[in-house]
Protein backbone atom coordinates (compact mmCIF):
# COMPACT_ATOMS: atom_id res chain seq x y z
CA MET A 1 -0.10 25.52 -32.57
CA LYS A 2 2.75 24.60 -30.86
CA ILE A 3 0.94 26.33 -27.55
CA PHE A 4 -1.56 23.06 -28.41
CA ILE A 5 0.85 20.31 -28.95
CA PHE A 6 2.96 22.36 -25.22
CA VAL A 7 -0.57 21.90 -23.83
CA LEU A 8 -1.21 18.21 -24.41
CA ILE A 9 3.06 17.28 -23.36
CA LEU A 10 1.99 18.42 -19.87
CA GLY A 11 -1.58 16.37 -20.50
CA LEU A 12 -0.04 13.55 -21.20
CA CYS A 13 2.63 13.79 -18.80
CA LYS A 14 0.29 14.48 -15.77
CA VAL A 15 -1.64 11.74 -16.41
CA MET A 16 0.87 9.10 -16.90
CA THR A 17 1.81 10.12 -13.17
CA VAL A 18 -1.10 9.70 -11.49
CA LYS A 19 -0.91 8.54 -8.18
CA SER A 20 -2.69 5.08 -7.13
CA ASP A 21 -5.61 5.76 -4.17
CA CYS A 22 -2.93 4.11 -1.81
CA ASP A 23 -0.34 6.92 -2.18
CA LYS A 24 -3.69 9.14 -1.49
CA MET A 25 -4.33 7.46 2.24
CA ARG A 26 -3.18 9.78 5.14
CA ILE A 27 -0.25 8.11 7.49
CA ARG A 28 0.06 9.81 10.97
CA GLY A 29 3.97 8.94 12.15
CA PHE A 30 2.77 7.25 15.97
CA ASN A 31 5.07 4.22 16.35
CA ARG A 32 2.65 1.51 17.91
CA PRO A 33 3.63 -2.25 16.11
CA SER A 34 0.81 -3.64 14.31
CA CYS A 35 0.43 -6.49 12.65
CA GLY A 36 -1.74 -8.10 10.11
CA HIS A 37 -2.34 -11.79 9.39
CA LEU A 38 -3.17 -14.40 6.27
CA PRO A 39 -2.96 -17.92 6.67
CA ASP A 40 0.80 -18.31 5.20
CA CYS A 41 1.63 -14.99 6.20
CA TYR A 42 1.76 -11.67 8.59
CA GLN A 43 2.37 -8.37 7.92
CA HIS A 44 4.17 -6.23 10.45
CA ALA A 45 4.20 -2.47 10.22
CA LYS A 46 4.98 0.64 12.28
CA ASN A 47 1.19 1.37 12.68
CA ILE A 48 -2.22 0.71 11.82
CA ASP A 49 -2.14 3.03 9.17
CA ILE A 50 0.76 2.15 7.46
CA LEU A 51 -0.86 -1.54 8.07
CA ASP A 52 -3.95 -0.21 6.02
CA TYR A 53 -1.64 1.19 3.34
CA TYR A 54 -0.25 -2.60 3.16
CA SER A 55 -3.66 -3.42 2.50
CA CYS A 56 -4.33 -0.89 0.14
CA LYS A 57 -1.48 -2.02 -2.40
CA ARG A 58 -2.68 -5.95 -1.67
CA LYS A 59 -5.77 -5.32 -2.84
CA GLU A 60 -4.62 -2.98 -5.81
CA ASN A 61 -2.44 -5.60 -7.30
CA GLY A 62 -4.95 -8.14 -7.10
CA LEU A 63 -3.52 -10.12 -3.55
CA PRO A 64 -6.68 -11.02 -1.11
CA ASP A 65 -6.72 -8.71 1.92
CA PHE A 66 -5.64 -8.95 6.01
CA THR A 67 -8.03 -11.65 7.24
CA SER A 68 -7.84 -9.88 10.59
CA LYS A 69 -5.55 -6.80 12.15
CA TRP A 70 -4.35 -6.09 15.37
CA GLU A 71 -2.28 -3.37 16.87
CA GLU A 72 0.63 -5.49 18.61
CA ARG A 73 3.33 -7.09 17.06
CA CYS A 74 3.21 -10.12 14.96
CA PRO A 75 4.22 -13.32 16.38
CA ASP A 76 7.38 -15.09 14.26
CA ASP A 77 5.88 -18.19 13.53
CA LYS A 78 4.97 -17.01 9.68
CA PRO A 79 6.74 -15.24 7.11
CA GLN A 80 6.44 -11.56 5.84
CA CYS A 81 3.74 -10.99 3.92
CA SER A 82 4.74 -10.03 0.00
CA LEU A 83 2.96 -6.14 -0.98
CA SER A 84 2.91 -7.85 -4.51
CA GLU A 85 2.59 -11.13 -6.74
CA SER A 86 6.54 -10.80 -7.67
CA THR A 87 7.88 -10.61 -4.55
């Protein structure tokens, strides 16, 4: 009985620490500035993989995806986009 309770507690801990699908994405470390665009903001990223991660996090948090993405620096005429509604 003690073993069953121990295994049950371990199982619950495992369920509580499940990572999101975004956290499982492959992100390479190359440096090629990329930009995500929305009508009211830009998302700056070190590379397109990180920009795809930000896009995934936005969708996961119920925010709209970027209307366009490109591999170059973002202009400075709009603020940085948020990854969640609270920030």
